Amino acid sequence: MNKDKRLAYWRANLRLVGLCLVIWFTVSFGFGILLVEQLNTIRFGGFKLGFWFAQQGSIYVFVALIFFYAWRMSRLDREHDVHED
């Protein structure tokens, strides 16, 4: 694999990691801490939404991000021909 292809693969990988980190930060810190008062005006499953994000929602989103990252990296590996057979 030449240098340009490796660089393109690395950039795509960093973009994916950056996207996942932004989503994780927004959900855990933004929804669970910064916006908790505004979200507490909304009910979700009998609980205030801000409380739910602080206690459970951010964990669910984090687990979903793990599966999304694994799925997307598998596709990225195939696109850049660095997948395992």
PDB file of N, CA and C in Angstrom:
ATOM      1  N   MET A   1       0.851  -1.174   0.000  1.00  0.00           N
ATOM      2  CA  MET A   1       0.000   0.000   0.000  1.00  0.00           C
ATOM      3  C   MET A   1       0.895   1.235   0.000  1.00  0.00           C
ATOM      4  N   ASN A   2       0.620   2.149  -0.903  1.00  0.00           N
ATOM      5  CA  ASN A   2       1.480   3.326  -0.984  1.00  0.00           C
ATOM      6  C   ASN A   2       1.089   4.367   0.075  1.00  0.00           C
ATOM      7  N   LYS A   3       1.902   5.399   0.126  1.00  0.00           N
ATOM      8  CA  LYS A   3       1.743   6.403   1.182  1.00  0.00           C
ATOM      9  C   LYS A   3       0.414   7.146   1.083  1.00  0.00           C
ATOM     10  N   ASP A   4      -0.036   7.475  -0.123  1.00  0.00           N
ATOM     11  CA  ASP A   4      -1.296   8.205  -0.291  1.00  0.00           C
ATOM     12  C   ASP A   4      -2.492   7.392   0.194  1.00  0.00           C
ATOM     13  N   LYS A   5      -2.484   6.095  -0.113  1.00  0.00           N
ATOM     14  CA  LYS A   5      -3.580   5.232   0.329  1.00  0.00           C
ATOM     15  C   LYS A   5      -3.582   5.076   1.847  1.00  0.00           C
ATOM     16  N   ARG A   6      -2.398   4.943   2.424  1.00  0.00           N
ATOM     17  CA  ARG A   6      -2.307   4.844   3.890  1.00  0.00           C
ATOM     18  C   ARG A   6      -2.799   6.118   4.547  1.00  0.00           C
ATOM     19  N   LEU A   7      -2.429   7.256   3.978  1.00  0.00           N
ATOM     20  CA  LEU A   7      -2.857   8.544   4.517  1.00  0.00           C
ATOM     21  C   LEU A   7      -4.374   8.716   4.407  1.00  0.00           C
ATOM     22  N   ALA A   8      -4.951   8.289   3.295  1.00  0.00           N
ATOM     23  CA  ALA A   8      -6.408   8.371   3.121  1.00  0.00           C
ATOM     24  C   ALA A   8      -7.123   7.479   4.132  1.00  0.00           C
ATOM     25  N   TYR A   9      -6.594   6.283   4.342  1.00  0.00           N
ATOM     26  CA  TYR A   9      -7.178   5.366   5.331  1.00  0.00           C
ATOM     27  C   TYR A   9      -7.077   5.966   6.735  1.00  0.00           C
ATOM     28  N   TRP A  10      -5.941   6.529   7.067  1.00  0.00           N
ATOM     29  CA  TRP A  10      -5.742   7.112   8.397  1.00  0.00           C
ATOM     30  C   TRP A  10      -6.662   8.304   8.612  1.00  0.00           C
ATOM     31  N   ARG A  11      -6.825   9.134   7.595  1.00  0.00           N
ATOM     32  CA  ARG A  11      -7.729  10.289   7.709  1.00  0.00           C
ATOM     33  C   ARG A  11      -9.171   9.837   7.904  1.00  0.00           C
ATOM     34  N   ALA A  12      -9.592   8.826   7.163  1.00  0.00           N
ATOM     35  CA  ALA A  12     -10.956   8.308   7.318  1.00  0.00           C
ATOM     36  C   ALA A  12     -11.143   7.734   8.721  1.00  0.00           C
ATOM     37  N   ASN A  13     -10.123   7.050   9.224  1.00  0.00           N
ATOM     38  CA  ASN A  13     -10.174   6.493  10.581  1.00  0.00           C
ATOM     39  C   ASN A  13     -10.282   7.610  11.612  1.00  0.00           C
ATOM     40  N   LEU A  14      -9.490   8.650  11.476  1.00  0.00           N
ATOM     41  CA  LEU A  14      -9.532   9.772  12.422  1.00  0.00           C
ATOM     42  C   LEU A  14     -10.867  10.513  12.366  1.00  0.00           C
ATOM     43  N   ARG A  15     -11.433  10.649  11.164  1.00  0.00           N
ATOM     44  CA  ARG A  15     -12.753  11.283  11.035  1.00  0.00           C
ATOM     45  C   ARG A  15     -13.805  10.477  11.784  1.00  0.00           C
ATOM     46  N   LEU A  16     -13.756   9.159  11.649  1.00  0.00           N
ATOM     47  CA  LEU A  16     -14.708   8.291  12.332  1.00  0.00           C
ATOM     48  C   LEU A  16     -14.547   8.380  13.850  1.00  0.00           C
ATOM     49  N   VAL A  17     -13.317   8.331  14.326  1.00  0.00           N
ATOM     50  CA  VAL A  17     -13.058   8.449  15.765  1.00  0.00           C
ATOM     51  C   VAL A  17     -13.517   9.812  16.277  1.00  0.00           C
ATOM     52  N   GLY A  18     -13.226  10.865  15.521  1.00  0.00           N
ATOM     53  CA  GLY A  18     -13.660  12.206  15.913  1.00  0.00           C
ATOM     54  C   GLY A  18     -15.170  12.321  15.997  1.00  0.00           C
ATOM     55  N   LEU A  19     -15.871  11.754  15.023  1.00  0.00           N
ATOM     56  CA  LEU A  19     -17.332  11.765  15.043  1.00  0.00           C
ATOM     57  C   LEU A  19     -17.875  11.044  16.270  1.00  0.00           C
ATOM     58  N   CYS A  20     -17.332   9.874  16.550  1.00  0.00           N
ATOM     59  CA  CYS A  20     -17.776   9.112  17.719  1.00  0.00           C
ATOM     60  C   CYS A  20     -17.511   9.877  19.012  1.00  0.00           C
ATOM     61  N   LEU A  21     -16.369  10.515  19.115  1.00  0.00           N
ATOM     62  CA  LEU A  21     -16.048  11.280  20.324  1.00  0.00           C
ATOM     63  C   LEU A  21     -16.954  12.495  20.495  1.00  0.00           C
ATOM     64  N   VAL A  22     -17.278  13.160  19.401  1.00  0.00           N
ATOM     65  CA  VAL A  22     -18.186  14.313  19.478  1.00  0.00           C
ATOM     66  C   VAL A  22     -19.575  13.869  19.942  1.00  0.00           C
ATOM     67  N   ILE A  23     -20.072  12.777  19.382  1.00  0.00           N
ATOM     68  CA  ILE A  23     -21.379  12.264  19.802  1.00  0.00           C
ATOM     69  C   ILE A  23     -21.344  11.866  21.266  1.00  0.00           C
ATOM     70  N   TRP A  24     -20.299  11.150  21.668  1.00  0.00           N
ATOM     71  CA  TRP A  24     -20.188  10.698  23.052  1.00  0.00           C
ATOM     72  C   TRP A  24     -20.120  11.890  24.005  1.00  0.00           C
ATOM     73  N   PHE A  25     -19.317  12.892  23.679  1.00  0.00           N
ATOM     74  CA  PHE A  25     -19.188  14.066  24.522  1.00  0.00           C
ATOM     75  C   PHE A  25     -20.512  14.820  24.619  1.00  0.00           C
ATOM     76  N   THR A  26     -21.181  14.985  23.487  1.00  0.00           N
ATOM     77  CA  THR A  26     -22.450  15.703  23.472  1.00  0.00           C
ATOM     78  C   THR A  26     -23.482  15.016  24.350  1.00  0.00           C
ATOM     79  N   VAL A  27     -23.572  13.711  24.234  1.00  0.00           N
ATOM     80  CA  VAL A  27     -24.579  12.972  25.003  1.00  0.00           C
ATOM     81  C   VAL A  27     -24.210  12.921  26.480  1.00  0.00           C
ATOM     82  N   SER A  28     -22.969  12.589  26.791  1.00  0.00           N
ATOM     83  CA  SER A  28     -22.607  12.403  28.203  1.00  0.00           C
ATOM     84  C   SER A  28     -22.445  13.725  28.943  1.00  0.00           C
ATOM     85  N   PHE A  29     -21.666  14.637  28.395  1.00  0.00           N
ATOM     86  CA  PHE A  29     -21.409  15.898  29.088  1.00  0.00           C
ATOM     87  C   PHE A  29     -22.498  16.927  28.797  1.00  0.00           C
ATOM     88  N   GLY A  30     -22.855  17.050  27.522  1.00  0.00           N
ATOM     89  CA  GLY A  30     -23.855  18.047  27.144  1.00  0.00           C
ATOM     90  C   GLY A  30     -25.235  17.744  27.706  1.00  0.00           C
ATOM     91  N   PHE A  31     -25.748  16.547  27.403  1.00  0.00           N
ATOM     92  CA  PHE A  31     -27.095  16.195  27.858  1.00  0.00           C
ATOM     93  C   PHE A  31     -27.136  15.828  29.336  1.00  0.00           C
ATOM     94  N   GLY A  32     -26.089  15.203  29.834  1.00  0.00           N
ATOM     95  CA  GLY A  32     -26.091  14.729  31.218  1.00  0.00           C
ATOM     96  C   GLY A  32     -25.706  15.774  32.249  1.00  0.00           C
ATOM     97  N   ILE A  33     -25.009  16.843  31.825  1.00  0.00           N
ATOM     98  CA  ILE A  33     -24.544  17.841  32.788  1.00  0.00           C
ATOM     99  C   ILE A  33     -24.983  19.255  32.399  1.00  0.00           C
ATOM    100  N   LEU A  34     -24.622  19.697  31.205  1.00  0.00           N
ATOM    101  CA  LEU A  34     -24.884  21.082  30.824  1.00  0.00           C
ATOM    102  C   LEU A  34     -26.363  21.376  30.574  1.00  0.00           C
ATOM    103  N   LEU A  35     -27.047  20.487  29.906  1.00  0.00           N
ATOM    104  CA  LEU A  35     -28.441  20.731  29.531  1.00  0.00           C
ATOM    105  C   LEU A  35     -29.437  19.980  30.398  1.00  0.00           C
ATOM    106  N   VAL A  36     -28.997  19.519  31.557  1.00  0.00           N
ATOM    107  CA  VAL A  36     -29.852  18.667  32.380  1.00  0.00           C
ATOM    108  C   VAL A  36     -31.124  19.388  32.827  1.00  0.00           C
ATOM    109  N   GLU A  37     -31.044  20.640  33.167  1.00  0.00           N
ATOM    110  CA  GLU A  37     -32.234  21.369  33.633  1.00  0.00           C
ATOM    111  C   GLU A  37     -33.266  21.514  32.522  1.00  0.00           C
ATOM    112  N   GLN A  38     -32.817  21.841  31.324  1.00  0.00           N
ATOM    113  CA  GLN A  38     -33.737  21.985  30.207  1.00  0.00           C
ATOM    114  C   GLN A  38     -34.361  20.636  29.840  1.00  0.00           C
ATOM    115  N   LEU A  39     -33.550  19.581  29.861  1.00  0.00           N
ATOM    116  CA  LEU A  39     -34.060  18.254  29.507  1.00  0.00           C
ATOM    117  C   LEU A  39     -34.967  17.675  30.585  1.00  0.00           C
ATOM    118  N   ASN A  40     -34.811  18.126  31.816  1.00  0.00           N
ATOM    119  CA  ASN A  40     -35.659  17.611  32.897  1.00  0.00           C
ATOM    120  C   ASN A  40     -37.113  18.041  32.757  1.00  0.00           C
ATOM    121  N   THR A  41     -37.395  18.978  31.880  1.00  0.00           N
ATOM    122  CA  THR A  41     -38.785  19.368  31.643  1.00  0.00           C
ATOM    123  C   THR A  41     -39.506  18.342  30.774  1.00  0.00           C
ATOM    124  N   ILE A  42     -38.758  17.417  30.168  1.00  0.00           N
ATOM    125  CA  ILE A  42     -39.317  16.370  29.301  1.00  0.00           C
ATOM    126  C   ILE A  42     -39.272  15.050  30.057  1.00  0.00           C
ATOM    127  N   ARG A  43     -40.332  14.281  29.980  1.00  0.00           N
ATOM    128  CA  ARG A  43     -40.382  12.959  30.626  1.00  0.00           C
ATOM    129  C   ARG A  43     -40.106  11.867  29.604  1.00  0.00           C
ATOM    130  N   PHE A  44     -39.363  10.847  30.030  1.00  0.00           N
ATOM    131  CA  PHE A  44     -39.052   9.693  29.182  1.00  0.00           C
ATOM    132  C   PHE A  44     -39.160   8.440  30.029  1.00  0.00           C
ATOM    133  N   GLY A  45     -40.145   7.621  29.761  1.00  0.00           N
ATOM    134  CA  GLY A  45     -40.327   6.394  30.536  1.00  0.00           C
ATOM    135  C   GLY A  45     -40.612   6.668  32.001  1.00  0.00           C
ATOM    136  N   GLY A  46     -41.258   7.777  32.303  1.00  0.00           N
ATOM    137  CA  GLY A  46     -41.573   8.118  33.686  1.00  0.00           C
ATOM    138  C   GLY A  46     -40.469   8.879  34.405  1.00  0.00           C
ATOM    139  N   PHE A  47     -39.334   9.056  33.764  1.00  0.00           N
ATOM    140  CA  PHE A  47     -38.210   9.761  34.379  1.00  0.00           C
ATOM    141  C   PHE A  47     -37.962  11.070  33.641  1.00  0.00           C
ATOM    142  N   LYS A  48     -37.352  12.008  34.323  1.00  0.00           N
ATOM    143  CA  LYS A  48     -36.941  13.246  33.669  1.00  0.00           C
ATOM    144  C   LYS A  48     -35.823  12.909  32.691  1.00  0.00           C
ATOM    145  N   LEU A  49     -35.906  13.499  31.505  1.00  0.00           N
ATOM    146  CA  LEU A  49     -34.966  13.138  30.442  1.00  0.00           C
ATOM    147  C   LEU A  49     -33.516  13.474  30.796  1.00  0.00           C
ATOM    148  N   GLY A  50     -33.273  14.589  31.456  1.00  0.00           N
ATOM    149  CA  GLY A  50     -31.909  14.930  31.865  1.00  0.00           C
ATOM    150  C   GLY A  50     -31.341  13.912  32.840  1.00  0.00           C
ATOM    151  N   PHE A  51     -32.158  13.490  33.790  1.00  0.00           N
ATOM    152  CA  PHE A  51     -31.739  12.456  34.740  1.00  0.00           C
ATOM    153  C   PHE A  51     -31.463  11.152  34.008  1.00  0.00           C
ATOM    154  N   TRP A  52     -32.342  10.806  33.056  1.00  0.00           N
ATOM    155  CA  TRP A  52     -32.177   9.556  32.319  1.00  0.00           C
ATOM    156  C   TRP A  52     -30.866   9.558  31.542  1.00  0.00           C
ATOM    157  N   PHE A  53     -30.547  10.667  30.850  1.00  0.00           N
ATOM    158  CA  PHE A  53     -29.280  10.739  30.113  1.00  0.00           C
ATOM    159  C   PHE A  53     -28.096  10.646  31.055  1.00  0.00           C
ATOM    160  N   ALA A  54     -28.176  11.279  32.195  1.00  0.00           N
ATOM    161  CA  ALA A  54     -27.054  11.256  33.140  1.00  0.00           C
ATOM    162  C   ALA A  54     -26.845   9.858  33.720  1.00  0.00           C
ATOM    163  N   GLN A  55     -27.913   9.111  33.904  1.00  0.00           N
ATOM    164  CA  GLN A  55     -27.802   7.811  34.565  1.00  0.00           C
ATOM    165  C   GLN A  55     -27.685   6.641  33.591  1.00  0.00           C
ATOM    166  N   GLN A  56     -28.460   6.646  32.516  1.00  0.00           N
ATOM    167  CA  GLN A  56     -28.489   5.488  31.628  1.00  0.00           C
ATOM    168  C   GLN A  56     -28.271   5.819  30.163  1.00  0.00           C
ATOM    169  N   GLY A  57     -28.827   6.914  29.717  1.00  0.00           N
ATOM    170  CA  GLY A  57     -28.802   7.235  28.295  1.00  0.00           C
ATOM    171  C   GLY A  57     -27.420   7.322  27.707  1.00  0.00           C
ATOM    172  N   SER A  58     -26.497   7.939  28.423  1.00  0.00           N
ATOM    173  CA  SER A  58     -25.142   8.064  27.891  1.00  0.00           C
ATOM    174  C   SER A  58     -24.456   6.703  27.787  1.00  0.00           C
ATOM    175  N   ILE A  59     -24.797   5.792  28.679  1.00  0.00           N
ATOM    176  CA  ILE A  59     -24.225   4.441  28.617  1.00  0.00           C
ATOM    177  C   ILE A  59     -24.759   3.709  27.391  1.00  0.00           C
ATOM    178  N   TYR A  60     -26.075   3.814  27.133  1.00  0.00           N
ATOM    179  CA  TYR A  60     -26.662   3.181  25.956  1.00  0.00           C
ATOM    180  C   TYR A  60     -26.061   3.738  24.674  1.00  0.00           C
ATOM    181  N   VAL A  61     -25.894   5.040  24.620  1.00  0.00           N
ATOM    182  CA  VAL A  61     -25.306   5.659  23.433  1.00  0.00           C
ATOM    183  C   VAL A  61     -23.859   5.193  23.264  1.00  0.00           C
ATOM    184  N   PHE A  62     -23.103   5.086  24.358  1.00  0.00           N
ATOM    185  CA  PHE A  62     -21.718   4.630  24.285  1.00  0.00           C
ATOM    186  C   PHE A  62     -21.638   3.201  23.744  1.00  0.00           C
ATOM    187  N   VAL A  63     -22.504   2.317  24.205  1.00  0.00           N
ATOM    188  CA  VAL A  63     -22.513   0.933  23.711  1.00  0.00           C
ATOM    189  C   VAL A  63     -22.895   0.913  22.230  1.00  0.00           C
ATOM    190  N   ALA A  64     -23.881   1.713  21.849  1.00  0.00           N
ATOM    191  CA  ALA A  64     -24.262   1.794  20.435  1.00  0.00           C
ATOM    192  C   ALA A  64     -23.102   2.313  19.591  1.00  0.00           C
ATOM    193  N   LEU A  65     -22.343   3.269  20.119  1.00  0.00           N
ATOM    194  CA  LEU A  65     -21.180   3.787  19.392  1.00  0.00           C
ATOM    195  C   LEU A  65     -20.108   2.720  19.197  1.00  0.00           C
ATOM    196  N   ILE A  66     -19.946   1.841  20.162  1.00  0.00           N
ATOM    197  CA  ILE A  66     -18.974   0.748  20.021  1.00  0.00           C
ATOM    198  C   ILE A  66     -19.348  -0.139  18.840  1.00  0.00           C
ATOM    199  N   PHE A  67     -20.624  -0.526  18.763  1.00  0.00           N
ATOM    200  CA  PHE A  67     -21.069  -1.368  17.653  1.00  0.00           C
ATOM    201  C   PHE A  67     -20.985  -0.616  16.322  1.00  0.00           C
ATOM    202  N   PHE A  68     -21.361   0.654  16.311  1.00  0.00           N
ATOM    203  CA  PHE A  68     -21.272   1.462  15.092  1.00  0.00           C
ATOM    204  C   PHE A  68     -19.819   1.567  14.632  1.00  0.00           C
ATOM    205  N   TYR A  69     -18.903   1.821  15.561  1.00  0.00           N
ATOM    206  CA  TYR A  69     -17.490   1.955  15.209  1.00  0.00           C
ATOM    207  C   TYR A  69     -16.952   0.649  14.618  1.00  0.00           C
ATOM    208  N   ALA A  70     -17.276  -0.474  15.218  1.00  0.00           N
ATOM    209  CA  ALA A  70     -16.799  -1.765  14.719  1.00  0.00           C
ATOM    210  C   ALA A  70     -17.354  -2.037  13.322  1.00  0.00           C
ATOM    211  N   TRP A  71     -18.643  -1.762  13.118  1.00  0.00           N
ATOM    212  CA  TRP A  71     -19.264  -1.972  11.807  1.00  0.00           C
ATOM    213  C   TRP A  71     -18.644  -1.058  10.754  1.00  0.00           C
ATOM    214  N   ARG A  72     -18.489   0.210  11.101  1.00  0.00           N
ATOM    215  CA  ARG A  72     -17.965   1.185  10.141  1.00  0.00           C
ATOM    216  C   ARG A  72     -16.492   0.926   9.830  1.00  0.00           C
ATOM    217  N   MET A  73     -15.707   0.530  10.831  1.00  0.00           N
ATOM    218  CA  MET A  73     -14.291   0.229  10.582  1.00  0.00           C
ATOM    219  C   MET A  73     -14.144  -0.997   9.691  1.00  0.00           C
ATOM    220  N   SER A  74     -15.036  -1.959   9.842  1.00  0.00           N
ATOM    221  CA  SER A  74     -14.999  -3.128   8.965  1.00  0.00           C
ATOM    222  C   SER A  74     -15.234  -2.712   7.517  1.00  0.00           C
ATOM    223  N   ARG A  75     -16.197  -1.829   7.302  1.00  0.00           N
ATOM    224  CA  ARG A  75     -16.447  -1.325   5.945  1.00  0.00           C
ATOM    225  C   ARG A  75     -15.269  -0.492   5.440  1.00  0.00           C
ATOM    226  N   LEU A  76     -14.704   0.318   6.322  1.00  0.00           N
ATOM    227  CA  LEU A  76     -13.562   1.148   5.954  1.00  0.00           C
ATOM    228  C   LEU A  76     -12.359   0.288   5.573  1.00  0.00           C
ATOM    229  N   ASP A  77     -12.125  -0.770   6.323  1.00  0.00           N
ATOM    230  CA  ASP A  77     -11.028  -1.689   6.012  1.00  0.00           C
ATOM    231  C   ASP A  77     -11.203  -2.299   4.628  1.00  0.00           C
ATOM    232  N   ARG A  78     -12.427  -2.695   4.301  1.00  0.00           N
ATOM    233  CA  ARG A  78     -12.690  -3.276   2.980  1.00  0.00           C
ATOM    234  C   ARG A  78     -12.531  -2.232   1.875  1.00  0.00           C
ATOM    235  N   GLU A  79     -12.988  -1.008   2.121  1.00  0.00           N
ATOM    236  CA  GLU A  79     -12.861   0.051   1.120  1.00  0.00           C
ATOM    237  C   GLU A  79     -11.400   0.353   0.804  1.00  0.00           C
ATOM    238  N   HIS A  80     -10.545   0.255   1.809  1.00  0.00           N
ATOM    239  CA  HIS A  80      -9.128   0.578   1.621  1.00  0.00           C
ATOM    240  C   HIS A  80      -8.265  -0.675   1.469  1.00  0.00           C
ATOM    241  N   ASP A  81      -8.921  -1.808   1.342  1.00  0.00           N
ATOM    242  CA  ASP A  81      -8.255  -3.092   1.109  1.00  0.00           C
ATOM    243  C   ASP A  81      -7.201  -3.429   2.174  1.00  0.00           C
ATOM    244  N   VAL A  82      -7.568  -3.224   3.426  1.00  0.00           N
ATOM    245  CA  VAL A  82      -6.689  -3.621   4.518  1.00  0.00           C
ATOM    246  C   VAL A  82      -7.401  -4.593   5.456  1.00  0.00           C
ATOM    247  N   HIS A  83      -8.488  -5.199   4.973  1.00  0.00           N
ATOM    248  CA  HIS A  83      -9.270  -6.104   5.808  1.00  0.00           C
ATOM    249  C   HIS A  83      -8.566  -7.448   5.952  1.00  0.00           C
ATOM    250  N   GLU A  84      -8.966  -8.150   7.016  1.00  0.00           N
ATOM    251  CA  GLU A  84      -8.454  -9.501   7.222  1.00  0.00           C
ATOM    252  C   GLU A  84      -9.367 -10.481   6.516  1.00  0.00           C
ATOM    253  N   ASP A  85      -8.799 -11.505   5.943  1.00  0.00           N
ATOM    254  CA  ASP A  85      -9.626 -12.490   5.235  1.00  0.00           C
ATOM    255  C   ASP A  85     -10.239 -13.489   6.152  1.00  0.00           C
TER     256      ASP A  85
END
